[in-house]
């Protein structure tokens, strides 16, 4: 059977800013199953549409929606960005923060590699220190063992020394 395309689009609009209604709210209002609404939102996202979660504030948007907003605004000038932000209940600063987060995400691999390299160097240094310490202790143990052997041989040759 399915729903008419016009009704589906009207319902999807309720999910968009500035309304940002949650799916349970819309399901109650429209009498449509929540699962259906989640599927509609998922399909709209798959088409590349900005479909934030039902949180009123943009901080509750999922990463994919924030990324989509950054992509949509990448080529906009300041005036166009202002109009875009007003329509969606955003601030230009938020878009800027999201853009910066996206840029840092792309450097994640390089930063991770650098961090791993630093950790590996620290680990190698610690291993060398522990190996040096182990060698020193092995030498001390060998020396002590040699002294004990010599003491036993000396006692065997000269006696205990307790006999008077």
N, C-alpha and C. Protein backbone atom coordinates (compact mmCIF):
# COMPACT_ATOMS: atom_id res chain seq x y z
N UNK A 1 0.83 -1.17 0.00
CA UNK A 1 0.00 0.00 0.00
C UNK A 1 0.88 1.25 0.00
N UNK A 2 1.55 1.58 1.09
CA UNK A 2 2.44 2.72 1.15
C UNK A 2 1.73 4.03 1.36
N UNK A 3 2.50 5.03 1.68
CA UNK A 3 1.97 6.38 1.92
C UNK A 3 2.25 7.23 0.70
N UNK A 4 1.39 8.21 0.43
CA UNK A 4 1.64 9.12 -0.69
C UNK A 4 2.94 9.89 -0.46
N UNK A 5 3.62 10.17 -1.55
CA UNK A 5 4.91 10.85 -1.50
C UNK A 5 4.79 12.21 -0.80
N UNK A 6 3.68 12.91 -1.05
CA UNK A 6 3.49 14.24 -0.44
C UNK A 6 3.42 14.14 1.08
N UNK A 7 2.69 13.12 1.56
CA UNK A 7 2.57 12.96 3.02
C UNK A 7 3.92 12.59 3.62
N UNK A 8 4.64 11.72 2.93
CA UNK A 8 5.96 11.30 3.41
C UNK A 8 6.89 12.52 3.53
N UNK A 9 6.88 13.38 2.51
CA UNK A 9 7.73 14.58 2.53
C UNK A 9 7.30 15.54 3.64
N UNK A 10 6.00 15.66 3.85
CA UNK A 10 5.50 16.55 4.92
C UNK A 10 5.95 16.04 6.28
N UNK A 11 5.90 14.74 6.46
CA UNK A 11 6.33 14.15 7.73
C UNK A 11 7.84 14.32 7.91
N UNK A 12 8.60 14.10 6.84
CA UNK A 12 10.05 14.28 6.92
C UNK A 12 10.42 15.72 7.25
N UNK A 13 9.63 16.67 6.76
CA UNK A 13 9.89 18.09 7.07
C UNK A 13 9.78 18.36 8.57
N UNK A 14 8.91 17.62 9.24
CA UNK A 14 8.76 17.81 10.68
C UNK A 14 10.01 17.38 11.44
N UNK A 15 10.82 16.52 10.83
CA UNK A 15 12.06 16.08 11.45
C UNK A 15 13.17 17.11 11.29
N UNK A 16 12.99 18.01 10.32
CA UNK A 16 14.03 18.99 10.00
C UNK A 16 13.95 20.22 10.88
N UNK A 17 15.07 20.96 10.99
CA UNK A 17 15.02 22.24 11.69
C UNK A 17 14.07 23.17 10.96
N UNK A 18 13.46 24.08 11.58
CA UNK A 18 13.54 24.41 13.01
C UNK A 18 12.63 23.56 13.88
N UNK A 19 11.83 22.66 13.31
CA UNK A 19 10.93 21.83 14.11
C UNK A 19 11.68 20.82 14.96
N UNK A 20 12.52 20.03 14.30
CA UNK A 20 13.32 18.99 14.96
C UNK A 20 12.51 18.14 15.91
N UNK A 21 11.37 17.67 15.46
CA UNK A 21 10.56 16.82 16.33
C UNK A 21 11.15 15.42 16.35
N UNK A 22 10.99 14.75 17.47
CA UNK A 22 11.49 13.39 17.59
C UNK A 22 10.56 12.44 16.86
N UNK A 23 11.08 11.30 16.50
CA UNK A 23 10.26 10.31 15.79
C UNK A 23 9.09 9.84 16.64
N UNK A 24 9.27 9.58 17.95
CA UNK A 24 8.10 9.20 18.75
C UNK A 24 7.00 10.27 18.75
N UNK A 25 7.40 11.55 18.79
CA UNK A 25 6.41 12.64 18.75
C UNK A 25 5.65 12.62 17.44
N UNK A 26 6.38 12.49 16.36
CA UNK A 26 5.75 12.49 15.03
C UNK A 26 4.85 11.27 14.86
N UNK A 27 5.31 10.12 15.36
CA UNK A 27 4.51 8.89 15.25
C UNK A 27 3.17 9.06 15.95
N UNK A 28 3.21 9.70 17.12
CA UNK A 28 1.99 9.92 17.89
C UNK A 28 1.07 10.89 17.14
N UNK A 29 1.65 11.98 16.62
CA UNK A 29 0.88 13.00 15.90
C UNK A 29 0.24 12.45 14.63
N UNK A 30 1.03 11.73 13.86
CA UNK A 30 0.61 11.30 12.53
C UNK A 30 -0.05 9.93 12.50
N UNK A 31 0.12 9.16 13.57
CA UNK A 31 -0.44 7.81 13.59
C UNK A 31 0.31 6.86 12.67
N UNK A 32 1.62 7.11 12.53
CA UNK A 32 2.47 6.27 11.69
C UNK A 32 3.43 5.52 12.61
N UNK A 33 3.68 4.28 12.31
CA UNK A 33 4.58 3.44 13.11
C UNK A 33 5.98 4.06 13.18
N UNK A 34 6.58 4.01 14.37
CA UNK A 34 7.93 4.57 14.54
C UNK A 34 8.93 3.92 13.60
N UNK A 35 8.82 2.61 13.42
CA UNK A 35 9.73 1.90 12.53
C UNK A 35 9.69 2.44 11.12
N UNK A 36 8.51 2.77 10.66
CA UNK A 36 8.35 3.34 9.33
C UNK A 36 9.05 4.69 9.25
N UNK A 37 8.87 5.50 10.29
CA UNK A 37 9.51 6.83 10.31
C UNK A 37 11.03 6.70 10.34
N UNK A 38 11.54 5.76 11.12
CA UNK A 38 13.00 5.54 11.15
C UNK A 38 13.50 5.12 9.77
N UNK A 39 12.74 4.27 9.10
CA UNK A 39 13.13 3.84 7.75
C UNK A 39 13.11 5.01 6.77
N UNK A 40 12.10 5.87 6.86
CA UNK A 40 12.03 7.04 5.99
C UNK A 40 13.24 7.94 6.21
N UNK A 41 13.57 8.17 7.49
CA UNK A 41 14.72 9.03 7.79
C UNK A 41 16.00 8.40 7.26
N UNK A 42 16.13 7.09 7.44
CA UNK A 42 17.32 6.39 6.96
C UNK A 42 17.44 6.49 5.44
N UNK A 43 16.33 6.33 4.74
CA UNK A 43 16.32 6.44 3.28
C UNK A 43 16.67 7.86 2.84
N UNK A 44 16.14 8.86 3.55
CA UNK A 44 16.45 10.25 3.21
C UNK A 44 17.94 10.54 3.42
N UNK A 45 18.51 10.00 4.48
CA UNK A 45 19.95 10.17 4.73
C UNK A 45 20.75 9.49 3.63
N UNK A 46 20.30 8.33 3.20
CA UNK A 46 21.00 7.60 2.14
C UNK A 46 21.00 8.39 0.84
N UNK A 47 19.96 9.23 0.65
CA UNK A 47 19.89 10.10 -0.53
C UNK A 47 20.79 11.32 -0.37
N UNK A 48 21.40 11.47 0.82
CA UNK A 48 22.29 12.60 1.06
C UNK A 48 21.62 13.80 1.68
N UNK A 49 20.39 13.63 2.14
CA UNK A 49 19.66 14.74 2.77
C UNK A 49 20.07 14.88 4.22
N UNK A 50 20.08 16.10 4.71
CA UNK A 50 20.39 16.39 6.10
C UNK A 50 19.16 16.06 6.93
N UNK A 51 19.26 15.02 7.74
CA UNK A 51 18.13 14.57 8.57
C UNK A 51 18.64 14.38 10.00
N UNK A 52 18.68 15.45 10.80
CA UNK A 52 19.18 15.32 12.16
C UNK A 52 18.26 14.48 13.02
N UNK A 53 18.85 13.96 14.11
CA UNK A 53 18.04 13.26 15.10
C UNK A 53 17.11 14.28 15.73
N UNK A 54 16.13 13.84 16.49
CA UNK A 54 15.09 14.72 17.00
C UNK A 54 15.49 15.68 18.09
N UNK A 55 16.76 15.80 18.39
CA UNK A 55 17.20 16.72 19.43
C UNK A 55 17.01 18.15 18.93
N UNK A 56 16.47 19.00 19.77
CA UNK A 56 16.20 20.40 19.40
C UNK A 56 17.50 21.13 19.12
N UNK A 57 18.55 20.81 19.87
CA UNK A 57 19.82 21.52 19.71
C UNK A 57 20.70 20.82 18.69
N UNK A 58 21.48 21.56 17.93
CA UNK A 58 22.37 20.96 16.94
C UNK A 58 23.48 20.11 17.57
N UNK A 59 23.74 20.30 18.86
CA UNK A 59 24.76 19.49 19.51
C UNK A 59 24.34 18.03 19.57
N UNK A 60 23.04 17.76 19.46
CA UNK A 60 22.54 16.40 19.48
C UNK A 60 22.54 15.74 18.11
N UNK A 61 22.98 16.44 17.10
CA UNK A 61 23.00 15.88 15.75
C UNK A 61 24.06 14.79 15.67
N UNK A 62 23.80 13.80 14.86
CA UNK A 62 24.78 12.73 14.68
C UNK A 62 25.92 13.25 13.79
N UNK A 63 27.02 12.55 13.81
CA UNK A 63 28.20 12.97 13.06
C UNK A 63 27.92 13.06 11.56
N UNK A 64 27.12 12.16 11.04
CA UNK A 64 26.82 12.18 9.60
C UNK A 64 26.06 13.45 9.22
N UNK A 65 25.14 13.89 10.09
CA UNK A 65 24.39 15.11 9.79
C UNK A 65 25.28 16.35 9.88
N UNK A 66 26.16 16.35 10.86
CA UNK A 66 27.09 17.48 10.97
C UNK A 66 27.99 17.54 9.74
N UNK A 67 28.47 16.37 9.31
CA UNK A 67 29.33 16.32 8.13
C UNK A 67 28.57 16.79 6.90
N UNK A 68 27.31 16.36 6.79
CA UNK A 68 26.49 16.79 5.65
C UNK A 68 26.31 18.31 5.66
N UNK A 69 26.11 18.89 6.85
CA UNK A 69 25.96 20.34 6.95
C UNK A 69 27.25 21.04 6.53
N UNK A 70 28.38 20.48 6.92
CA UNK A 70 29.68 21.06 6.53
C UNK A 70 29.83 21.01 5.01
N UNK A 71 29.47 19.89 4.41
CA UNK A 71 29.58 19.76 2.95
C UNK A 71 28.65 20.73 2.24
N UNK A 72 27.42 20.85 2.75
CA UNK A 72 26.45 21.74 2.11
C UNK A 72 26.89 23.19 2.17
N UNK A 73 27.60 23.56 3.21
CA UNK A 73 27.98 24.96 3.40
C UNK A 73 29.39 25.28 2.91
N UNK A 74 30.11 24.28 2.44
CA UNK A 74 31.52 24.49 2.07
C UNK A 74 31.72 25.59 1.04
N UNK A 75 30.84 25.68 0.08
CA UNK A 75 31.03 26.66 -0.99
C UNK A 75 30.23 27.95 -0.79
N UNK A 76 29.58 28.09 0.35
CA UNK A 76 28.73 29.26 0.59
C UNK A 76 29.54 30.46 1.08
N UNK A 77 29.08 31.65 0.66
CA UNK A 77 29.68 32.86 1.21
C UNK A 77 29.00 33.16 2.55
N UNK A 78 29.40 34.22 3.20
CA UNK A 78 28.89 34.53 4.54
C UNK A 78 27.38 34.76 4.57
N UNK A 79 26.86 35.46 3.57
CA UNK A 79 25.42 35.75 3.52
C UNK A 79 24.62 34.46 3.32
N UNK A 80 25.07 33.64 2.40
CA UNK A 80 24.38 32.36 2.15
C UNK A 80 24.44 31.46 3.37
N UNK A 81 25.58 31.47 4.04
CA UNK A 81 25.75 30.66 5.25
C UNK A 81 24.79 31.14 6.34
N UNK A 82 24.63 32.44 6.46
CA UNK A 82 23.70 32.98 7.46
C UNK A 82 22.27 32.53 7.19
N UNK A 83 21.86 32.59 5.94
CA UNK A 83 20.50 32.15 5.57
C UNK A 83 20.35 30.66 5.88
N UNK A 84 21.33 29.87 5.49
CA UNK A 84 21.32 28.42 5.74
C UNK A 84 21.18 28.14 7.24
N UNK A 85 21.96 28.83 8.03
CA UNK A 85 21.94 28.62 9.49
C UNK A 85 20.59 29.02 10.09
N UNK A 86 20.04 30.14 9.65
CA UNK A 86 18.73 30.56 10.17
C UNK A 86 17.66 29.53 9.86
N UNK A 87 17.68 29.00 8.65
CA UNK A 87 16.67 28.01 8.25
C UNK A 87 16.74 26.74 9.10
N UNK A 88 17.94 26.43 9.58
CA UNK A 88 18.12 25.16 10.29
C UNK A 88 18.35 25.33 11.79
N UNK A 89 18.26 26.55 12.26
CA UNK A 89 18.44 26.80 13.69
C UNK A 89 19.87 26.59 14.16
N UNK A 90 20.81 26.96 13.31
CA UNK A 90 22.23 26.80 13.62
C UNK A 90 22.90 28.16 13.76
N UNK A 91 24.14 28.12 14.21
CA UNK A 91 25.00 29.29 14.23
C UNK A 91 26.18 29.02 13.30
N UNK A 92 26.66 30.06 12.67
CA UNK A 92 27.81 29.91 11.76
C UNK A 92 29.01 29.35 12.52
N UNK A 93 29.14 29.70 13.80
CA UNK A 93 30.26 29.21 14.61
C UNK A 93 30.21 27.69 14.75
N UNK A 94 28.98 27.15 14.86
CA UNK A 94 28.84 25.70 14.97
C UNK A 94 29.32 25.02 13.70
N UNK A 95 28.94 25.58 12.57
CA UNK A 95 29.39 25.01 11.29
C UNK A 95 30.92 25.06 11.25
N UNK A 96 31.49 26.17 11.70
CA UNK A 96 32.95 26.31 11.72
C UNK A 96 33.61 25.26 12.62
N UNK A 97 33.01 25.04 13.79
CA UNK A 97 33.55 24.02 14.71
C UNK A 97 33.45 22.63 14.07
N UNK A 98 32.32 22.36 13.44
CA UNK A 98 32.13 21.06 12.80
C UNK A 98 33.13 20.87 11.66
N UNK A 99 33.38 21.95 10.90
CA UNK A 99 34.35 21.88 9.79
C UNK A 99 35.73 21.56 10.36
N UNK A 100 36.08 22.24 11.44
CA UNK A 100 37.39 22.00 12.06
C UNK A 100 37.50 20.56 12.57
N UNK A 101 36.43 20.05 13.16
CA UNK A 101 36.42 18.66 13.63
C UNK A 101 36.60 17.69 12.46
N UNK A 102 35.97 17.99 11.34
CA UNK A 102 36.11 17.14 10.15
C UNK A 102 37.55 17.16 9.65
N UNK A 103 38.16 18.34 9.65
CA UNK A 103 39.54 18.46 9.19
C UNK A 103 40.48 17.70 10.12
N UNK A 104 40.23 17.78 11.42
CA UNK A 104 41.07 17.06 12.37
C UNK A 104 40.85 15.56 12.25
N UNK A 105 39.65 15.16 11.91
CA UNK A 105 39.37 13.73 11.74
C UNK A 105 40.19 13.16 10.60
N UNK A 106 40.42 13.97 9.58
CA UNK A 106 41.23 13.50 8.46
C UNK A 106 42.70 13.41 8.82
N UNK A 107 43.13 14.15 9.83
CA UNK A 107 44.51 14.06 10.30
C UNK A 107 44.67 13.02 11.40
N UNK A 108 43.57 12.35 11.73
CA UNK A 108 43.60 11.39 12.82
C UNK A 108 44.68 10.34 12.60
N UNK A 109 44.77 9.83 11.38
CA UNK A 109 45.72 8.77 11.08
C UNK A 109 47.15 9.24 11.33
N UNK A 110 47.46 10.45 10.89
CA UNK A 110 48.81 10.99 11.08
C UNK A 110 49.08 11.22 12.57
N UNK A 111 48.10 11.78 13.28
CA UNK A 111 48.26 12.01 14.71
C UNK A 111 48.40 10.70 15.47
N UNK A 112 47.61 9.71 15.07
CA UNK A 112 47.68 8.40 15.71
C UNK A 112 49.05 7.77 15.47
N UNK A 113 49.56 7.87 14.26
CA UNK A 113 50.88 7.32 13.94
C UNK A 113 51.95 8.00 14.77
N UNK A 114 51.85 9.32 14.90
CA UNK A 114 52.83 10.07 15.69
C UNK A 114 52.78 9.63 17.15
N UNK A 115 51.57 9.50 17.68
CA UNK A 115 51.40 9.07 19.07
C UNK A 115 51.97 7.66 19.28
N UNK A 116 51.68 6.77 18.34
CA UNK A 116 52.20 5.40 18.44
C UNK A 116 53.72 5.38 18.38
N UNK A 117 54.28 6.22 17.53
CA UNK A 117 55.74 6.29 17.41
C UNK A 117 56.37 6.78 18.72
N UNK A 118 55.77 7.81 19.32
CA UNK A 118 56.27 8.33 20.59
C UNK A 118 56.16 7.27 21.68
N UNK A 119 55.05 6.56 21.71
CA UNK A 119 54.87 5.50 22.70
C UNK A 119 55.87 4.37 22.49
N UNK A 120 56.12 4.02 21.23
CA UNK A 120 57.09 2.97 20.94
C UNK A 120 58.48 3.38 21.40
N UNK A 121 58.86 4.64 21.15
CA UNK A 121 60.17 5.13 21.60
C UNK A 121 60.29 5.05 23.12
N UNK A 122 59.24 5.48 23.81
CA UNK A 122 59.25 5.43 25.28
C UNK A 122 59.34 3.99 25.76
N UNK A 123 58.61 3.10 25.09
CA UNK A 123 58.67 1.68 25.46
C UNK A 123 60.06 1.10 25.23
N UNK A 124 60.66 1.44 24.08
CA UNK A 124 62.01 0.94 23.79
C UNK A 124 63.01 1.45 24.82
N UNK A 125 62.88 2.70 25.22
CA UNK A 125 63.78 3.27 26.23
C UNK A 125 63.61 2.53 27.55
N UNK A 126 62.37 2.29 27.92
CA UNK A 126 62.07 1.57 29.17
C UNK A 126 62.62 0.15 29.12
N UNK A 127 62.49 -0.50 27.97
CA UNK A 127 63.01 -1.86 27.80
C UNK A 127 64.52 -1.88 27.98
N UNK A 128 65.21 -0.90 27.36
CA UNK A 128 66.68 -0.82 27.50
C UNK A 128 67.08 -0.63 28.95
N UNK A 129 66.34 0.24 29.66
CA UNK A 129 66.65 0.47 31.08
C UNK A 129 66.46 -0.82 31.88
N UNK A 130 65.36 -1.52 31.60
CA UNK A 130 65.09 -2.77 32.31
C UNK A 130 66.12 -3.84 31.98
N UNK A 131 66.56 -3.91 30.72
CA UNK A 131 67.59 -4.88 30.33
C UNK A 131 68.91 -4.57 31.01
N UNK A 132 69.27 -3.28 31.09
CA UNK A 132 70.50 -2.88 31.80
C UNK A 132 70.43 -3.28 33.27
N UNK A 133 69.28 -3.00 33.87
CA UNK A 133 69.07 -3.34 35.27
C UNK A 133 69.15 -4.86 35.48
N UNK A 134 68.55 -5.60 34.55
CA UNK A 134 68.58 -7.06 34.64
C UNK A 134 70.01 -7.59 34.52
N UNK A 135 70.79 -7.04 33.58
CA UNK A 135 72.20 -7.47 33.44
C UNK A 135 72.99 -7.18 34.70
N UNK A 136 72.78 -6.00 35.29
CA UNK A 136 73.49 -5.64 36.52
C UNK A 136 73.14 -6.62 37.64
N UNK A 137 71.87 -6.95 37.76
CA UNK A 137 71.44 -7.87 38.80
C UNK A 137 71.93 -9.30 38.53
N UNK A 138 71.98 -9.70 37.26
CA UNK A 138 72.51 -11.02 36.93
C UNK A 138 73.98 -11.11 37.29
N UNK A 139 74.74 -10.05 37.03
CA UNK A 139 76.17 -10.03 37.39
C UNK A 139 76.33 -10.12 38.91
N UNK A 140 75.51 -9.35 39.63
CA UNK A 140 75.59 -9.38 41.11
C UNK A 140 75.24 -10.77 41.62
N UNK A 141 74.25 -11.41 41.04
CA UNK A 141 73.85 -12.75 41.44
C UNK A 141 74.96 -13.76 41.13
N UNK A 142 75.56 -13.64 39.95
CA UNK A 142 76.65 -14.54 39.58
C UNK A 142 77.84 -14.36 40.53
N UNK A 143 78.13 -13.12 40.89
CA UNK A 143 79.23 -12.84 41.82
C UNK A 143 78.94 -13.43 43.19
N UNK A 144 77.72 -13.28 43.65
CA UNK A 144 77.32 -13.83 44.95
C UNK A 144 77.40 -15.36 44.92
N UNK A 145 76.94 -15.96 43.84
CA UNK A 145 77.01 -17.41 43.71
C UNK A 145 78.46 -17.87 43.71
N UNK A 146 79.32 -17.16 43.00
CA UNK A 146 80.74 -17.52 42.97
C UNK A 146 81.36 -17.42 44.36
N UNK A 147 81.01 -16.36 45.11
CA UNK A 147 81.53 -16.20 46.47
C UNK A 147 81.06 -17.34 47.38
N UNK A 148 79.81 -17.75 47.23
CA UNK A 148 79.30 -18.87 48.03
C UNK A 148 80.04 -20.17 47.70
N UNK A 149 80.29 -20.40 46.41
CA UNK A 149 81.03 -21.59 46.00
C UNK A 149 82.44 -21.56 46.58
N UNK A 150 83.10 -20.39 46.50
CA UNK A 150 84.45 -20.25 47.04
C UNK A 150 84.47 -20.47 48.55
N UNK A 151 83.43 -19.95 49.24
CA UNK A 151 83.37 -20.12 50.69
C UNK A 151 83.24 -21.61 51.04
N UNK A 152 82.40 -22.33 50.30
CA UNK A 152 82.24 -23.77 50.55
C UNK A 152 83.54 -24.52 50.30
N UNK A 153 84.24 -24.15 49.21
CA UNK A 153 85.53 -24.81 48.92
C UNK A 153 86.55 -24.50 50.00
N UNK A 154 86.57 -23.27 50.45
CA UNK A 154 87.51 -22.87 51.49
C UNK A 154 87.21 -23.63 52.78
N UNK A 155 85.93 -23.77 53.11
CA UNK A 155 85.55 -24.51 54.32
C UNK A 155 85.93 -25.99 54.18
N UNK A 156 85.78 -26.50 52.96
CA UNK A 156 86.13 -27.90 52.74
C UNK A 156 87.64 -28.10 52.85
N UNK A 157 88.42 -27.15 52.40
CA UNK A 157 89.88 -27.26 52.44
C UNK A 157 90.39 -27.00 53.86
N UNK A 158 90.00 -25.93 54.47
CA UNK A 158 90.56 -25.49 55.75
C UNK A 158 89.67 -25.84 56.95
N UNK A 159 88.52 -26.29 56.69
CA UNK A 159 87.62 -26.63 57.80
C UNK A 159 86.74 -25.44 58.13
N UNK A 160 85.91 -25.68 59.16
CA UNK A 160 84.94 -24.64 59.52
C UNK A 160 85.59 -23.44 60.18
N UNK A 161 86.67 -23.64 60.86
CA UNK A 161 87.30 -22.55 61.61
C UNK A 161 86.67 -22.40 62.95
N UNK A 162 85.70 -23.24 63.30
CA UNK A 162 85.04 -23.14 64.58
C UNK A 162 85.74 -24.07 65.58
N UNK A 163 86.57 -24.93 65.03
CA UNK A 163 87.30 -25.84 65.94
C UNK A 163 88.43 -25.08 66.57
N UNK A 164 88.63 -25.16 67.69
CA UNK A 164 89.60 -24.32 68.31
C UNK A 164 90.61 -25.02 68.96
